[in-house]
């Protein structure tokens, strides 16, 4: 089985920074794309940033220039450095990964989510 665990969320004032981390563990054969999504109360879950196994990344327009996604393939981890945070960034952030188990077919896995609150 595969499990994704997020960490690094918390309360921060506007203009501050946070670094989210997500570690995948279990019977992993390989990990393709990894990414971060977020969901605010009463709203749909939205894509924040994604990164391919080769390092190519893409971002939502609302976070370009402020957030940076990175990954460590040797440790099966993905990170999201969030700078210049705004109140509208407040949400539960979820880690997502496309993982192929040994002799299996690639499928999406999700973490439990970590709360990010930006408020003064």
Protein backbone atom coordinates (compact mmCIF):
# COMPACT_ATOMS: atom_id res chain seq x y z
CA UNK A 1 0.00 0.00 0.00
CA UNK A 2 0.99 3.65 -0.52
CA UNK A 3 0.60 6.57 1.87
CA UNK A 4 1.22 10.31 1.38
CA UNK A 5 1.83 12.45 4.48
CA UNK A 6 1.91 16.27 4.37
CA UNK A 7 3.54 18.56 6.89
CA UNK A 8 4.53 22.21 7.32
CA UNK A 9 1.17 23.94 7.45
CA UNK A 10 0.25 26.49 10.07
CA UNK A 11 -0.72 30.08 10.83
CA UNK A 12 1.28 32.87 9.21
CA UNK A 13 0.78 36.61 8.78
CA UNK A 14 0.34 38.21 5.33
CA UNK A 15 3.67 38.51 3.54
CA UNK A 16 5.14 35.59 5.44
CA UNK A 17 6.41 32.23 4.21
CA UNK A 18 5.73 28.54 4.75
CA UNK A 19 7.29 25.39 3.32
CA UNK A 20 5.07 22.36 2.83
CA UNK A 21 6.46 18.85 2.51
CA UNK A 22 4.94 15.57 1.38
CA UNK A 23 6.54 12.15 1.71
CA UNK A 24 5.33 9.03 -0.08
CA UNK A 25 5.92 5.63 1.45
CA UNK A 26 4.88 2.06 0.85
CA UNK A 27 5.19 -0.45 -1.97
CA UNK A 28 6.23 2.13 -4.56
CA UNK A 29 7.50 1.09 -7.95
CA UNK A 30 7.86 4.59 -9.40
CA UNK A 31 6.34 8.06 -9.04
CA UNK A 32 5.41 10.08 -12.09
CA UNK A 33 3.89 13.52 -11.52
CA UNK A 34 3.48 15.07 -8.08
CA UNK A 35 1.56 18.17 -7.13
CA UNK A 36 -0.21 20.34 -4.62
CA UNK A 37 -3.90 21.21 -4.55
CA UNK A 38 -5.84 23.39 -2.15
CA UNK A 39 -9.43 23.72 -1.01
CA UNK A 40 -10.93 26.66 0.86
CA UNK A 41 -14.17 26.32 2.87
CA UNK A 42 -17.18 26.19 0.56
CA UNK A 43 -15.04 26.04 -2.58
CA UNK A 44 -13.87 23.37 -5.01
CA UNK A 45 -10.41 21.86 -4.80
CA UNK A 46 -8.01 23.60 -7.21
CA UNK A 47 -4.57 22.85 -8.63
CA UNK A 48 -1.74 24.93 -7.16
CA UNK A 49 1.40 23.44 -8.71
CA UNK A 50 2.61 20.25 -10.38
CA UNK A 51 6.03 18.81 -11.15
CA UNK A 52 6.99 15.92 -13.42
CA UNK A 53 9.56 13.27 -12.54
CA UNK A 54 12.03 15.03 -14.84
CA UNK A 55 11.61 18.36 -13.05
CA UNK A 56 9.25 20.24 -15.37
CA UNK A 57 6.80 22.31 -13.31
CA UNK A 58 3.65 24.35 -13.82
CA UNK A 59 1.74 26.75 -11.56
CA UNK A 60 -1.67 28.29 -11.19
CA UNK A 61 -1.67 31.93 -12.29
CA UNK A 62 -2.59 33.06 -8.78
CA UNK A 63 0.68 31.73 -7.27
CA UNK A 64 3.21 32.30 -10.06
CA UNK A 65 6.24 34.19 -8.82
CA UNK A 66 5.40 33.46 -5.18
CA UNK A 67 5.35 29.65 -4.87
CA UNK A 68 8.03 27.15 -5.91
CA UNK A 69 7.52 23.39 -6.21
CA UNK A 70 10.42 20.94 -5.98
CA UNK A 71 10.98 17.22 -5.48
CA UNK A 72 13.59 14.76 -4.26
CA UNK A 73 13.16 11.55 -6.20
CA UNK A 74 15.58 9.62 -3.98
CA UNK A 75 13.39 10.36 -0.94
CA UNK A 76 10.00 10.24 -2.71
CA UNK A 77 9.18 13.72 -1.46
CA UNK A 78 7.73 16.91 -2.92
CA UNK A 79 7.90 20.41 -1.41
CA UNK A 80 6.07 23.68 -1.88
CA UNK A 81 7.86 26.86 -0.84
CA UNK A 82 5.25 29.57 -0.35
CA UNK A 83 6.43 33.18 -0.12
CA UNK A 84 4.58 36.50 0.04
CA UNK A 85 1.50 34.75 1.36
CA UNK A 86 -1.88 36.43 1.05
CA UNK A 87 -5.13 35.88 2.98
CA UNK A 88 -6.66 34.33 -0.15
CA UNK A 89 -4.05 31.55 0.08
CA UNK A 90 -5.84 30.25 3.18
CA UNK A 91 -6.96 26.67 2.51
CA UNK A 92 -6.31 23.03 3.22
CA UNK A 93 -3.41 21.97 1.01
CA UNK A 94 -3.35 18.42 -0.36
CA UNK A 95 -0.46 16.47 -1.81
CA UNK A 96 -1.14 14.40 -4.93
CA UNK A 97 1.04 11.86 -6.70
CA UNK A 98 0.69 9.50 -9.63
CA UNK A 99 2.31 6.30 -8.42
CA UNK A 100 2.88 2.91 -10.00
CA UNK A 101 3.18 0.01 -7.59
CA UNK A 102 5.42 -2.89 -8.54
CA UNK A 103 3.75 -4.66 -11.49
CA UNK A 104 0.82 -2.26 -11.18
CA UNK A 105 -0.88 0.46 -13.20
CA UNK A 106 -0.22 4.16 -12.39
CA UNK A 107 -2.97 5.79 -10.32
CA UNK A 108 -3.50 8.92 -8.22
CA UNK A 109 -2.95 8.99 -4.45
CA UNK A 110 -3.86 11.80 -2.04
CA UNK A 111 -2.56 12.97 1.30
CA UNK A 112 -4.79 13.85 4.25
CA UNK A 113 -4.24 17.60 3.87
CA UNK A 114 -2.53 20.28 5.94
CA UNK A 115 -4.12 23.58 6.98
CA UNK A 116 -2.56 26.87 5.88
CA UNK A 117 -4.04 30.02 7.41
CA UNK A 118 -2.84 33.50 6.40
CA UNK A 119 -4.17 36.13 8.77
CA UNK A 120 -3.04 39.08 10.85
